[in-house]
Amino acid sequence: MARFLGPKGKIVRKFGENIFGLKKFDRLLDRKNYKPGQHGQSRRRRKSNYAMQLSEKQKLKYMYGLLERQFRRFFKMADKMKGNTGLNLLILLERRLDNVVYRIGFAPSRMAARQLVSHRHFLVNDRIVNIPSYLVKPGDEIKVRDQSRKLGIIHDSIKKIKGDLDLPWLSLDKATLTGKFLEIPERDQMGLVDVKEQMIVELYSK
């Protein structure tokens, strides 16, 4: 499946959840709390267990902007790690550089963060990293390059942050446009309340 480039509002309505975290989608769901399409309001059939598992996987893929091959690779990595596979998967996804850039507040969305990383706008520990899937480690410092410090998209995104970050495993210095990945987040610190990662594990374990 190719990466979805259509209206994100359709995806939000498909899952009935604001998986992208943007306020405009909260307003959209208030107005249209049913699935898109001609028969959106009449689709009330009960989902099978397989359909719910598949939906959880698709939801997480859309949320992080991954293709099936990329997502499966992360799942295999999570499965080989010690501990809970579902939690390991979420931790790996949260450690992606594009996600960390978004979470720190340097970009308004993960898609924008991916593009900024690919265009070499960030340093990790004073080295340019242009691979969105690069896995950040505890203690790593993410900084906006000197040549990129005047980018409007970065400053507009930073201005939306009032006070400290809500995520205790990340820090941000607005004055120097520097962030830090402090530690591996706990499950309840990720803000992924509606994600049922165990269903994804069950899907791939069949």
N, C-alpha and C. Protein backbone atom coordinates (compact mmCIF):
# COMPACT_ATOMS: atom_id res chain seq x y z
N MET A 1 0.84 -1.20 0.00
CA MET A 1 0.00 0.00 0.00
C MET A 1 0.87 1.24 0.00
N ALA A 2 0.61 2.17 -0.89
CA ALA A 2 1.37 3.42 -0.96
C ALA A 2 0.97 4.32 0.20
N ARG A 3 1.83 5.28 0.52
CA ARG A 3 1.52 6.21 1.60
C ARG A 3 0.34 7.08 1.21
N PHE A 4 -0.62 7.24 2.13
CA PHE A 4 -1.83 7.99 1.86
C PHE A 4 -1.52 9.48 1.80
N LEU A 5 -1.90 10.12 0.69
CA LEU A 5 -1.64 11.55 0.50
C LEU A 5 -2.94 12.35 0.37
N GLY A 6 -4.07 11.71 0.61
CA GLY A 6 -5.35 12.38 0.50
C GLY A 6 -5.70 13.16 1.77
N PRO A 7 -6.95 13.61 1.88
CA PRO A 7 -7.38 14.40 3.05
C PRO A 7 -7.29 13.60 4.34
N LYS A 8 -6.59 14.15 5.33
CA LYS A 8 -6.47 13.45 6.60
C LYS A 8 -7.80 13.36 7.33
N GLY A 9 -8.71 14.30 7.00
CA GLY A 9 -10.02 14.28 7.64
C GLY A 9 -10.76 12.98 7.39
N LYS A 10 -10.56 12.39 6.21
CA LYS A 10 -11.21 11.12 5.90
C LYS A 10 -10.70 10.00 6.80
N ILE A 11 -9.40 10.03 7.07
CA ILE A 11 -8.80 9.01 7.93
C ILE A 11 -9.32 9.17 9.36
N VAL A 12 -9.39 10.41 9.82
CA VAL A 12 -9.90 10.68 11.16
C VAL A 12 -11.33 10.18 11.30
N ARG A 13 -12.16 10.44 10.30
CA ARG A 13 -13.56 9.99 10.35
C ARG A 13 -13.67 8.48 10.21
N LYS A 14 -12.76 7.89 9.46
CA LYS A 14 -12.75 6.42 9.28
C LYS A 14 -12.59 5.72 10.63
N PHE A 15 -11.68 6.21 11.46
CA PHE A 15 -11.43 5.59 12.75
C PHE A 15 -12.27 6.18 13.87
N GLY A 16 -12.89 7.34 13.59
CA GLY A 16 -13.70 7.98 14.62
C GLY A 16 -12.86 8.54 15.75
N GLU A 17 -11.57 8.77 15.49
CA GLU A 17 -10.64 9.28 16.51
C GLU A 17 -9.70 10.30 15.87
N ASN A 18 -9.29 11.28 16.65
CA ASN A 18 -8.35 12.28 16.17
C ASN A 18 -6.94 11.72 16.30
N ILE A 19 -6.56 10.81 15.40
CA ILE A 19 -5.28 10.12 15.52
C ILE A 19 -4.09 11.03 15.19
N PHE A 20 -4.34 12.18 14.56
CA PHE A 20 -3.25 13.10 14.22
C PHE A 20 -3.06 14.20 15.26
N GLY A 21 -3.99 14.31 16.21
CA GLY A 21 -3.83 15.24 17.32
C GLY A 21 -4.03 16.71 17.00
N LEU A 22 -4.54 17.04 15.83
CA LEU A 22 -4.75 18.44 15.47
C LEU A 22 -6.15 18.89 15.87
N LYS A 23 -6.26 20.11 16.40
CA LYS A 23 -7.53 20.59 16.94
C LYS A 23 -8.62 20.65 15.88
N LYS A 24 -8.24 20.92 14.63
CA LYS A 24 -9.26 21.04 13.58
C LYS A 24 -10.01 19.73 13.38
N PHE A 25 -9.34 18.60 13.70
CA PHE A 25 -10.00 17.31 13.54
C PHE A 25 -10.97 17.02 14.68
N ASP A 26 -10.74 17.64 15.85
CA ASP A 26 -11.72 17.55 16.93
C ASP A 26 -13.03 18.21 16.49
N ARG A 27 -12.88 19.37 15.85
CA ARG A 27 -14.07 20.08 15.36
C ARG A 27 -14.77 19.28 14.26
N LEU A 28 -13.96 18.63 13.41
CA LEU A 28 -14.53 17.83 12.33
C LEU A 28 -15.35 16.67 12.89
N LEU A 29 -14.82 15.99 13.90
CA LEU A 29 -15.53 14.86 14.50
C LEU A 29 -16.80 15.31 15.23
N ASP A 30 -16.78 16.53 15.76
CA ASP A 30 -17.99 17.06 16.40
C ASP A 30 -19.10 17.25 15.37
N ARG A 31 -18.70 17.67 14.15
CA ARG A 31 -19.69 17.92 13.09
C ARG A 31 -20.09 16.64 12.34
N LYS A 32 -19.11 15.77 12.13
CA LYS A 32 -19.36 14.56 11.33
C LYS A 32 -18.77 13.34 12.05
N ASN A 33 -19.49 12.87 13.04
CA ASN A 33 -18.99 11.74 13.82
C ASN A 33 -19.43 10.40 13.22
N TYR A 34 -19.29 10.30 11.90
CA TYR A 34 -19.60 9.06 11.19
C TYR A 34 -18.58 8.89 10.07
N LYS A 35 -18.52 7.70 9.52
CA LYS A 35 -17.50 7.41 8.51
C LYS A 35 -17.78 8.16 7.21
N PRO A 36 -16.73 8.44 6.42
CA PRO A 36 -16.93 9.14 5.15
C PRO A 36 -17.60 8.26 4.13
N GLY A 37 -18.10 8.87 3.08
CA GLY A 37 -18.72 8.10 2.00
C GLY A 37 -20.23 8.19 2.02
N GLN A 38 -20.83 7.72 0.94
CA GLN A 38 -22.28 7.81 0.76
C GLN A 38 -23.06 7.08 1.85
N HIS A 39 -22.50 5.96 2.31
CA HIS A 39 -23.21 5.15 3.30
C HIS A 39 -22.58 5.24 4.68
N GLY A 40 -21.82 6.30 4.90
CA GLY A 40 -21.10 6.44 6.16
C GLY A 40 -21.97 6.39 7.39
N GLN A 41 -23.15 7.00 7.33
CA GLN A 41 -24.01 7.06 8.51
C GLN A 41 -24.75 5.76 8.78
N SER A 42 -24.77 4.87 7.79
CA SER A 42 -25.52 3.62 7.96
C SER A 42 -24.64 2.43 8.29
N ARG A 43 -23.31 2.63 8.35
CA ARG A 43 -22.39 1.52 8.63
C ARG A 43 -22.27 1.32 10.13
N ARG A 44 -23.13 0.50 10.67
CA ARG A 44 -23.13 0.27 12.11
C ARG A 44 -22.93 -1.21 12.44
N ARG A 45 -22.44 -2.00 11.48
CA ARG A 45 -22.27 -3.42 11.72
C ARG A 45 -21.19 -3.67 12.76
N ARG A 46 -21.38 -4.73 13.53
CA ARG A 46 -20.40 -5.08 14.54
C ARG A 46 -19.16 -5.68 13.87
N LYS A 47 -17.98 -5.23 14.29
CA LYS A 47 -16.74 -5.71 13.70
C LYS A 47 -16.35 -7.06 14.26
N SER A 48 -15.75 -7.89 13.42
CA SER A 48 -15.19 -9.15 13.88
C SER A 48 -13.89 -8.86 14.63
N ASN A 49 -13.38 -9.85 15.34
CA ASN A 49 -12.14 -9.66 16.09
C ASN A 49 -10.98 -9.35 15.14
N TYR A 50 -10.96 -10.04 13.99
CA TYR A 50 -9.91 -9.79 12.99
C TYR A 50 -10.00 -8.35 12.47
N ALA A 51 -11.22 -7.89 12.21
CA ALA A 51 -11.41 -6.53 11.69
C ALA A 51 -10.92 -5.49 12.70
N MET A 52 -11.13 -5.75 13.99
CA MET A 52 -10.68 -4.81 15.02
C MET A 52 -9.16 -4.82 15.11
N GLN A 53 -8.55 -6.01 14.98
CA GLN A 53 -7.09 -6.10 15.00
C GLN A 53 -6.48 -5.36 13.82
N LEU A 54 -7.07 -5.57 12.65
CA LEU A 54 -6.58 -4.90 11.44
C LEU A 54 -6.74 -3.39 11.56
N SER A 55 -7.85 -2.96 12.12
CA SER A 55 -8.11 -1.53 12.29
C SER A 55 -7.07 -0.88 13.20
N GLU A 56 -6.69 -1.59 14.28
CA GLU A 56 -5.68 -1.05 15.19
C GLU A 56 -4.33 -0.90 14.49
N LYS A 57 -4.00 -1.90 13.67
CA LYS A 57 -2.73 -1.82 12.95
C LYS A 57 -2.75 -0.65 11.96
N GLN A 58 -3.83 -0.53 11.20
CA GLN A 58 -3.94 0.55 10.22
C GLN A 58 -3.91 1.91 10.90
N LYS A 59 -4.56 2.00 12.05
CA LYS A 59 -4.59 3.26 12.79
C LYS A 59 -3.18 3.70 13.18
N LEU A 60 -2.38 2.75 13.69
CA LEU A 60 -1.03 3.08 14.11
C LEU A 60 -0.14 3.41 12.91
N LYS A 61 -0.34 2.72 11.80
CA LYS A 61 0.42 3.02 10.59
C LYS A 61 0.13 4.43 10.09
N TYR A 62 -1.13 4.80 10.03
CA TYR A 62 -1.50 6.15 9.60
C TYR A 62 -0.96 7.20 10.57
N MET A 63 -1.03 6.89 11.86
CA MET A 63 -0.60 7.84 12.88
C MET A 63 0.87 8.21 12.71
N TYR A 64 1.70 7.19 12.46
CA TYR A 64 3.14 7.43 12.33
C TYR A 64 3.58 7.58 10.87
N GLY A 65 2.64 7.45 9.93
CA GLY A 65 2.95 7.66 8.52
C GLY A 65 3.85 6.61 7.92
N LEU A 66 3.61 5.33 8.25
CA LEU A 66 4.47 4.25 7.78
C LEU A 66 3.78 3.39 6.73
N LEU A 67 4.60 2.81 5.85
CA LEU A 67 4.11 1.82 4.91
C LEU A 67 4.12 0.45 5.59
N GLU A 68 3.45 -0.52 4.98
CA GLU A 68 3.34 -1.85 5.57
C GLU A 68 4.72 -2.48 5.81
N ARG A 69 5.60 -2.38 4.83
CA ARG A 69 6.93 -2.98 4.98
C ARG A 69 7.70 -2.35 6.13
N GLN A 70 7.61 -1.03 6.27
CA GLN A 70 8.29 -0.34 7.36
C GLN A 70 7.70 -0.76 8.71
N PHE A 71 6.38 -0.82 8.76
CA PHE A 71 5.71 -1.16 10.00
C PHE A 71 6.05 -2.59 10.42
N ARG A 72 6.04 -3.51 9.46
CA ARG A 72 6.37 -4.91 9.77
C ARG A 72 7.81 -5.04 10.26
N ARG A 73 8.71 -4.24 9.69
CA ARG A 73 10.11 -4.28 10.13
C ARG A 73 10.23 -3.86 11.59
N PHE A 74 9.50 -2.82 11.97
CA PHE A 74 9.53 -2.39 13.37
C PHE A 74 8.92 -3.45 14.28
N PHE A 75 7.87 -4.12 13.78
CA PHE A 75 7.26 -5.17 14.61
C PHE A 75 8.24 -6.31 14.84
N LYS A 76 8.97 -6.70 13.80
CA LYS A 76 9.95 -7.77 13.95
C LYS A 76 11.05 -7.39 14.93
N MET A 77 11.46 -6.13 14.88
CA MET A 77 12.46 -5.64 15.85
C MET A 77 11.89 -5.72 17.27
N ALA A 78 10.64 -5.31 17.44
CA ALA A 78 10.00 -5.32 18.76
C ALA A 78 9.86 -6.74 19.28
N ASP A 79 9.57 -7.68 18.38
CA ASP A 79 9.36 -9.07 18.76
C ASP A 79 10.65 -9.72 19.26
N LYS A 80 11.79 -9.24 18.76
CA LYS A 80 13.08 -9.81 19.16
C LYS A 80 13.60 -9.21 20.46
N MET A 81 13.01 -8.11 20.89
CA MET A 81 13.44 -7.45 22.12
C MET A 81 12.84 -8.15 23.35
N LYS A 82 13.48 -7.99 24.48
CA LYS A 82 12.94 -8.54 25.71
C LYS A 82 11.72 -7.73 26.15
N GLY A 83 10.80 -8.40 26.83
CA GLY A 83 9.64 -7.70 27.35
C GLY A 83 8.41 -7.82 26.46
N ASN A 84 7.46 -6.95 26.70
CA ASN A 84 6.18 -6.96 25.99
C ASN A 84 6.35 -6.45 24.56
N THR A 85 5.97 -7.27 23.58
CA THR A 85 6.17 -6.91 22.17
C THR A 85 5.39 -5.67 21.78
N GLY A 86 4.14 -5.56 22.24
CA GLY A 86 3.33 -4.39 21.90
C GLY A 86 3.93 -3.11 22.43
N LEU A 87 4.38 -3.13 23.68
CA LEU A 87 5.01 -1.94 24.26
C LEU A 87 6.32 -1.63 23.56
N ASN A 88 7.10 -2.67 23.25
CA ASN A 88 8.35 -2.47 22.51
C ASN A 88 8.11 -1.79 21.18
N LEU A 89 7.02 -2.18 20.50
CA LEU A 89 6.68 -1.58 19.21
C LEU A 89 6.41 -0.09 19.36
N LEU A 90 5.62 0.27 20.35
CA LEU A 90 5.31 1.69 20.57
C LEU A 90 6.56 2.48 20.92
N ILE A 91 7.43 1.89 21.72
CA ILE A 91 8.67 2.58 22.10
C ILE A 91 9.54 2.83 20.87
N LEU A 92 9.66 1.83 20.01
CA LEU A 92 10.46 2.00 18.78
C LEU A 92 9.89 3.11 17.90
N LEU A 93 8.57 3.13 17.77
CA LEU A 93 7.94 4.16 16.94
C LEU A 93 8.14 5.55 17.55
N GLU A 94 8.08 5.63 18.87
CA GLU A 94 8.28 6.93 19.54
C GLU A 94 9.73 7.38 19.44
N ARG A 95 10.65 6.44 19.26
CA ARG A 95 12.07 6.80 19.17
C ARG A 95 12.49 7.25 17.77
N ARG A 96 11.63 7.10 16.79
CA ARG A 96 11.96 7.56 15.44
C ARG A 96 12.25 9.07 15.48
N LEU A 97 13.25 9.48 14.73
CA LEU A 97 13.66 10.89 14.76
C LEU A 97 12.53 11.81 14.30
N ASP A 98 11.79 11.42 13.26
CA ASP A 98 10.71 12.30 12.81
C ASP A 98 9.65 12.46 13.89
N ASN A 99 9.37 11.39 14.63
CA ASN A 99 8.40 11.49 15.71
C ASN A 99 8.92 12.37 16.84
N VAL A 100 10.19 12.22 17.20
CA VAL A 100 10.77 13.02 18.28
C VAL A 100 10.78 14.50 17.91
N VAL A 101 11.11 14.81 16.66
CA VAL A 101 11.07 16.20 16.18
C VAL A 101 9.66 16.77 16.32
N TYR A 102 8.66 15.96 15.97
CA TYR A 102 7.26 16.39 16.11
C TYR A 102 6.86 16.55 17.58
N ARG A 103 7.22 15.56 18.38
CA ARG A 103 6.84 15.57 19.79
C ARG A 103 7.49 16.73 20.56
N ILE A 104 8.73 17.05 20.22
CA ILE A 104 9.42 18.17 20.88
C ILE A 104 8.76 19.49 20.52
N GLY A 105 8.20 19.57 19.30
CA GLY A 105 7.50 20.79 18.89
C GLY A 105 8.16 21.54 17.76
N PHE A 106 9.13 20.91 17.09
CA PHE A 106 9.80 21.57 15.97
C PHE A 106 8.97 21.51 14.69
N ALA A 107 7.91 20.71 14.66
CA ALA A 107 7.08 20.57 13.46
C ALA A 107 5.62 20.40 13.87
N PRO A 108 4.68 20.87 13.05
CA PRO A 108 3.27 20.79 13.41
C PRO A 108 2.65 19.41 13.24
N SER A 109 3.34 18.51 12.53
CA SER A 109 2.83 17.16 12.32
C SER A 109 3.99 16.21 12.06
N ARG A 110 3.72 14.91 12.14
CA ARG A 110 4.78 13.95 11.85
C ARG A 110 5.18 14.00 10.37
N MET A 111 4.23 14.26 9.51
CA MET A 111 4.54 14.35 8.08
C MET A 111 5.48 15.53 7.81
N ALA A 112 5.20 16.68 8.44
CA ALA A 112 6.07 17.84 8.28
C ALA A 112 7.45 17.57 8.88
N ALA A 113 7.46 16.86 10.02
CA ALA A 113 8.73 16.52 10.67
C ALA A 113 9.57 15.62 9.77
N ARG A 114 8.92 14.67 9.12
CA ARG A 114 9.64 13.76 8.22
C ARG A 114 10.31 14.54 7.08
N GLN A 115 9.59 15.50 6.54
CA GLN A 115 10.14 16.30 5.45
C GLN A 115 11.30 17.17 5.93
N LEU A 116 11.16 17.77 7.11
CA LEU A 116 12.23 18.60 7.65
C LEU A 116 13.49 17.78 7.93
N VAL A 117 13.31 16.59 8.46
CA VAL A 117 14.46 15.71 8.72
C VAL A 117 15.14 15.32 7.41
N SER A 118 14.33 14.95 6.42
CA SER A 118 14.87 14.53 5.12
C SER A 118 15.65 15.65 4.45
N HIS A 119 15.25 16.89 4.71
CA HIS A 119 15.92 18.05 4.10
C HIS A 119 17.09 18.56 4.94
N ARG A 120 17.52 17.75 5.90
CA ARG A 120 18.76 18.00 6.64
C ARG A 120 18.70 19.26 7.51
N HIS A 121 17.58 19.47 8.17
CA HIS A 121 17.44 20.66 9.01
C HIS A 121 17.81 20.42 10.47
N PHE A 122 18.16 19.18 10.83
CA PHE A 122 18.41 18.87 12.24
C PHE A 122 19.75 18.18 12.47
N LEU A 123 20.30 18.43 13.64
CA LEU A 123 21.51 17.76 14.10
C LEU A 123 21.14 16.85 15.28
N VAL A 124 21.72 15.68 15.30
CA VAL A 124 21.60 14.80 16.46
C VAL A 124 23.00 14.65 17.03
N ASN A 125 23.19 15.15 18.25
CA ASN A 125 24.52 15.17 18.87
C ASN A 125 25.54 15.83 17.95
N ASP A 126 25.11 16.98 17.36
CA ASP A 126 25.97 17.83 16.52
C ASP A 126 26.34 17.19 15.17
N ARG A 127 25.63 16.17 14.78
CA ARG A 127 25.84 15.56 13.46
C ARG A 127 24.54 15.59 12.67
N ILE A 128 24.61 15.93 11.38
CA ILE A 128 23.41 15.96 10.55
C ILE A 128 22.87 14.54 10.38
N VAL A 129 21.59 14.39 10.63
CA VAL A 129 20.90 13.11 10.40
C VAL A 129 19.68 13.41 9.54
N ASN A 130 19.61 12.81 8.37
CA ASN A 130 18.49 13.05 7.46
C ASN A 130 17.68 11.79 7.21
N ILE A 131 17.69 10.87 8.18
CA ILE A 131 16.94 9.61 8.08
C ILE A 131 15.79 9.66 9.08
N PRO A 132 14.55 9.81 8.62
CA PRO A 132 13.41 9.93 9.54
C PRO A 132 13.26 8.75 10.49
N SER A 133 13.67 7.56 10.06
CA SER A 133 13.50 6.37 10.90
C SER A 133 14.65 6.16 11.88
N TYR A 134 15.61 7.06 11.90
CA TYR A 134 16.74 6.97 12.83
C TYR A 134 16.21 6.87 14.26
N LEU A 135 16.71 5.90 15.03
CA LEU A 135 16.23 5.69 16.39
C LEU A 135 17.06 6.49 17.39
N VAL A 136 16.39 7.42 18.04
CA VAL A 136 17.03 8.28 19.02
C VAL A 136 17.22 7.51 20.33
N LYS A 137 18.31 7.76 21.02
CA LYS A 137 18.62 7.08 22.28
C LYS A 137 18.54 8.07 23.44
N PRO A 138 18.33 7.55 24.66
CA PRO A 138 18.32 8.44 25.84
C PRO A 138 19.62 9.25 25.92
N GLY A 139 19.48 10.53 26.14
CA GLY A 139 20.64 11.42 26.22
C GLY A 139 20.94 12.12 24.92
N ASP A 140 20.35 11.69 23.81
CA ASP A 140 20.61 12.33 22.51
C ASP A 140 20.03 13.75 22.48
N GLU A 141 20.78 14.65 21.87
CA GLU A 141 20.37 16.05 21.73
C GLU A 141 19.98 16.33 20.29
N ILE A 142 18.81 16.89 20.10
CA ILE A 142 18.32 17.21 18.75
C ILE A 142 18.27 18.73 18.63
N LYS A 143 18.97 19.25 17.64
CA LYS A 143 19.11 20.70 17.51
C LYS A 143 18.81 21.13 16.07
N VAL A 144 18.19 22.28 15.92
CA VAL A 144 17.96 22.86 14.60
C VAL A 144 19.29 23.40 14.07
N ARG A 145 19.62 23.10 12.84
CA ARG A 145 20.87 23.58 12.25
C ARG A 145 20.88 25.11 12.19
N ASP A 146 22.06 25.68 12.25
CA ASP A 146 22.18 27.14 12.19
C ASP A 146 21.55 27.69 10.92
N GLN A 147 21.75 26.99 9.80
CA GLN A 147 21.22 27.45 8.51
C GLN A 147 19.69 27.37 8.45
N SER A 148 19.09 26.66 9.39
CA SER A 148 17.64 26.43 9.34
C SER A 148 16.89 27.15 10.45
N ARG A 149 17.59 27.95 11.23
CA ARG A 149 16.99 28.55 12.43
C ARG A 149 15.92 29.60 12.12
N LYS A 150 15.88 30.08 10.88
CA LYS A 150 14.90 31.11 10.52
C LYS A 150 13.66 30.53 9.82
N LEU A 151 13.59 29.21 9.71
CA LEU A 151 12.44 28.59 9.03
C LEU A 151 11.14 28.91 9.77
N GLY A 152 10.19 29.45 9.02
CA GLY A 152 8.91 29.84 9.62
C GLY A 152 8.14 28.68 10.21
N ILE A 153 8.17 27.52 9.54
CA ILE A 153 7.40 26.38 10.01
C ILE A 153 7.85 25.92 11.39
N ILE A 154 9.16 26.03 11.66
CA ILE A 154 9.68 25.63 12.97
C ILE A 154 9.26 26.64 14.03
N HIS A 155 9.42 27.92 13.75
CA HIS A 155 9.06 28.96 14.73
C HIS A 155 7.56 28.98 15.00
N ASP A 156 6.75 28.81 13.96
CA ASP A 156 5.29 28.79 14.14
C ASP A 156 4.87 27.63 15.03
N SER A 157 5.55 26.48 14.85
CA SER A 157 5.23 25.31 15.66
C SER A 157 5.65 25.51 17.11
N ILE A 158 6.83 26.09 17.31
CA ILE A 158 7.33 26.33 18.67
C ILE A 158 6.42 27.31 19.43
N LYS A 159 5.90 28.31 18.72
CA LYS A 159 5.06 29.33 19.36
C LYS A 159 3.78 28.74 19.96
N LYS A 160 3.36 27.60 19.45
CA LYS A 160 2.13 26.97 19.95
C LYS A 160 2.32 26.28 21.29
N ILE A 161 3.59 26.12 21.70
CA ILE A 161 3.88 25.45 22.97
C ILE A 161 3.88 26.49 24.09
N LYS A 162 3.00 26.32 25.02
CA LYS A 162 2.91 27.23 26.17
C LYS A 162 3.51 26.54 27.39
N GLY A 163 4.55 27.10 27.95
CA GLY A 163 5.18 26.49 29.11
C GLY A 163 6.05 25.30 28.73
N ASP A 164 6.15 24.34 29.63
CA ASP A 164 6.97 23.16 29.40
C ASP A 164 6.21 22.12 28.58
N LEU A 165 6.96 21.17 28.02
CA LEU A 165 6.34 20.08 27.27
C LEU A 165 5.51 19.20 28.20
N ASP A 166 4.45 18.63 27.65
CA ASP A 166 3.61 17.72 28.43
C ASP A 166 4.24 16.34 28.56
N LEU A 167 5.30 16.09 27.81
CA LEU A 167 5.93 14.77 27.79
C LEU A 167 7.20 14.82 28.65
N PRO A 168 7.22 14.15 29.80
CA PRO A 168 8.36 14.25 30.72
C PRO A 168 9.63 13.58 30.23
N TRP A 169 9.54 12.80 29.17
CA TRP A 169 10.73 12.11 28.65
C TRP A 169 11.43 12.92 27.56
N LEU A 170 10.94 14.13 27.32
CA LEU A 170 11.55 15.04 26.35
C LEU A 170 11.73 16.41 26.99
N SER A 171 12.71 17.16 26.52
CA SER A 171 12.88 18.54 26.99
C SER A 171 13.11 19.45 25.79
N LEU A 172 12.81 20.72 25.97
CA LEU A 172 12.96 21.70 24.90
C LEU A 172 13.49 23.01 25.44
N ASP A 173 14.52 23.52 24.79
CA ASP A 173 15.03 24.86 25.09
C ASP A 173 14.67 25.74 23.89
N LYS A 174 13.65 26.56 24.06
CA LYS A 174 13.15 27.37 22.95
C LYS A 174 14.19 28.40 22.50
N ALA A 175 14.96 28.91 23.41
CA ALA A 175 15.93 29.95 23.07
C ALA A 175 17.00 29.44 22.11
N THR A 176 17.44 28.22 22.33
CA THR A 176 18.51 27.65 21.49
C THR A 176 17.99 26.68 20.44
N LEU A 177 16.66 26.48 20.41
CA LEU A 177 16.04 25.52 19.49
C LEU A 177 16.71 24.15 19.61
N THR A 178 16.81 23.72 20.86
CA THR A 178 17.44 22.44 21.16
C THR A 178 16.51 21.59 22.01
N GLY A 179 16.39 20.33 21.64
CA GLY A 179 15.59 19.40 22.41
C GLY A 179 16.44 18.23 22.85
N LYS A 180 15.92 17.47 23.81
CA LYS A 180 16.67 16.31 24.29
C LYS A 180 15.74 15.15 24.57
N PHE A 181 16.19 13.97 24.17
CA PHE A 181 15.47 12.73 24.46
C PHE A 181 16.03 12.22 25.78
N LEU A 182 15.29 12.44 26.86
CA LEU A 182 15.82 12.18 28.20
C LEU A 182 15.85 10.71 28.57
N GLU A 183 14.77 9.98 28.25
CA GLU A 183 14.68 8.59 28.66
C GLU A 183 13.60 7.88 27.85
N ILE A 184 13.62 6.54 27.92
CA ILE A 184 12.58 5.76 27.26
C ILE A 184 11.26 6.01 27.98
N PRO A 185 10.21 6.38 27.26
CA PRO A 185 8.94 6.71 27.93
C PRO A 185 8.21 5.48 28.46
N GLU A 186 7.48 5.68 29.54
CA GLU A 186 6.57 4.65 30.04
C GLU A 186 5.32 4.64 29.17
N ARG A 187 4.58 3.55 29.22
CA ARG A 187 3.38 3.43 28.36
C ARG A 187 2.39 4.56 28.61
N ASP A 188 2.17 4.93 29.86
CA ASP A 188 1.18 5.95 30.16
C ASP A 188 1.67 7.37 29.90
N GLN A 189 2.93 7.51 29.48
CA GLN A 189 3.48 8.83 29.17
C GLN A 189 3.41 9.17 27.68
N MET A 190 2.98 8.21 26.87
CA MET A 190 3.02 8.41 25.43
C MET A 190 1.81 9.15 24.87
N GLY A 191 0.76 9.24 25.66
CA GLY A 191 -0.44 9.91 25.17
C GLY A 191 -1.18 9.14 24.09
N LEU A 192 -1.00 7.81 24.08
CA LEU A 192 -1.65 6.96 23.08
C LEU A 192 -2.75 6.15 23.75
N VAL A 193 -3.70 6.85 24.34
CA VAL A 193 -4.74 6.22 25.15
C VAL A 193 -5.58 5.24 24.34
N ASP A 194 -5.90 5.60 23.10
CA ASP A 194 -6.84 4.81 22.30
C ASP A 194 -6.17 3.73 21.47
N VAL A 195 -4.87 3.52 21.61
CA VAL A 195 -4.16 2.49 20.85
C VAL A 195 -4.16 1.18 21.64
N LYS A 196 -4.60 0.11 20.99
CA LYS A 196 -4.64 -1.22 21.62
C LYS A 196 -3.57 -2.08 20.96
N GLU A 197 -2.34 -1.89 21.42
CA GLU A 197 -1.20 -2.54 20.77
C GLU A 197 -1.23 -4.06 20.85
N GLN A 198 -1.91 -4.62 21.88
CA GLN A 198 -1.96 -6.07 22.01
C GLN A 198 -2.72 -6.70 20.84
N MET A 199 -3.70 -5.98 20.30
CA MET A 199 -4.44 -6.48 19.14
C MET A 199 -3.53 -6.60 17.92
N ILE A 200 -2.57 -5.69 17.81
CA ILE A 200 -1.63 -5.74 16.68
C ILE A 200 -0.71 -6.95 16.82
N VAL A 201 -0.29 -7.23 18.06
CA VAL A 201 0.53 -8.40 18.32
C VAL A 201 -0.24 -9.67 17.96
N GLU A 202 -1.50 -9.72 18.34
CA GLU A 202 -2.33 -10.89 18.02
C GLU A 202 -2.50 -11.05 16.53
N LEU A 203 -2.62 -9.93 15.81
CA LEU A 203 -2.79 -9.99 14.35
C LEU A 203 -1.56 -10.59 13.68
N TYR A 204 -0.37 -10.12 14.06
CA TYR A 204 0.85 -10.60 13.45
C TYR A 204 1.27 -11.98 13.95
N SER A 205 0.66 -12.43 15.03
CA SER A 205 1.03 -13.74 15.59
C SER A 205 0.25 -14.89 14.98
N LYS A 206 -0.69 -14.57 14.09
CA LYS A 206 -1.53 -15.63 13.48
C LYS A 206 -0.72 -16.42 12.45
